[in-house]
Protein backbone atom coordinates (compact mmCIF):
# COMPACT_ATOMS: atom_id res chain seq x y z
CA MET A 1 0.00 0.00 0.00
CA GLU A 2 1.39 3.36 -0.98
CA LYS A 3 1.04 6.40 1.23
CA ASN A 4 -2.13 8.11 0.08
CA TYR A 5 -2.51 10.77 2.78
CA TRP A 6 -0.87 14.09 3.63
CA GLN A 7 -1.01 16.46 6.58
CA ILE A 8 -2.28 19.80 5.31
CA ASP A 9 -2.76 21.65 8.61
CA ASP A 10 -2.13 21.12 12.33
CA ASN A 11 -5.13 18.84 12.79
CA LEU A 12 -6.20 18.19 9.19
CA TYR A 13 -5.27 15.47 6.71
CA LYS A 14 -6.03 14.85 3.05
CA VAL A 15 -6.63 11.24 2.00
CA HIS A 16 -6.76 10.19 -1.67
CA MET A 17 -8.98 7.33 -2.89
CA SER A 18 -10.82 6.08 -5.94
CA SER A 19 -14.44 7.10 -6.46
CA ASP A 20 -15.82 3.61 -5.84
CA VAL A 21 -14.07 3.43 -2.45
CA TYR A 22 -15.31 6.92 -1.56
CA MET A 23 -18.90 5.87 -2.26
CA GLU A 24 -18.48 2.93 0.14
CA ILE A 25 -17.04 4.90 3.08
CA LYS A 26 -18.40 8.44 2.80
CA GLU A 27 -21.14 7.93 5.40
CA ASP A 28 -18.79 6.31 7.93
CA PHE A 29 -16.61 9.32 8.75
CA SER A 30 -16.83 13.02 9.57
CA ILE A 31 -15.49 14.41 6.31
CA VAL A 32 -14.57 18.09 6.54
CA ASP A 33 -14.30 18.74 2.79
CA ILE A 34 -13.71 16.91 -0.50
CA CYS A 35 -11.92 17.43 -3.78
CA LYS A 36 -13.15 15.58 -6.88
CA TYR A 37 -10.96 14.46 -9.79
CA PHE A 38 -12.60 14.28 -13.22
CA LYS A 39 -11.55 12.52 -16.41
CA LYS A 40 -13.69 12.84 -19.53
CA GLY A 41 -16.57 14.20 -17.47
CA GLU A 42 -16.58 11.33 -14.95
CA ILE A 43 -15.39 11.44 -11.34
CA PHE A 44 -12.59 8.91 -10.92
CA ALA A 45 -11.08 9.84 -7.53
CA TYR A 46 -11.54 11.93 -4.41
CA ASP A 47 -9.43 13.61 -1.78
CA ILE A 48 -11.21 13.81 1.54
CA MET A 49 -10.16 16.15 4.31
CA ILE A 50 -10.49 14.68 7.78
CA LYS A 51 -9.42 15.59 11.28
CA GLU A 52 -6.40 13.86 12.79
CA ASP A 53 -8.49 11.81 15.24
CA GLU A 54 -10.27 10.10 12.29
CA LEU A 55 -7.14 9.39 10.23
CA GLN A 56 -6.29 5.95 11.61
CA LYS A 57 -9.92 4.84 11.30
CA VAL A 58 -10.00 5.89 7.65
CA LEU A 59 -6.66 4.23 6.88
CA LYS A 60 -7.82 1.02 8.54
CA ARG A 61 -10.99 1.06 6.45
CA LEU A 62 -9.00 1.72 3.25
CA LYS A 63 -6.93 -1.41 3.94
CA GLU A 64 -10.16 -3.38 3.54
CA PHE A 65 -10.25 -2.12 -0.05
CA ASP A 66 -6.52 -2.75 -0.56
CA CYS A 67 -5.87 0.97 -0.97
């Protein structure tokens, strides 16, 4: 698994994932903000912004999807 998250502020992280994974987990976490990536008019990936206390939970969930 490659590192797919970055600290962007003192208590805020950005986590990158494919659109299908995002659709599976979006209701499970307190997402602060999102960034969508488009290709030929279709969303293919997301960056979600989450607080530090949610980071390990999100990363654990992403492992279930082999991300």
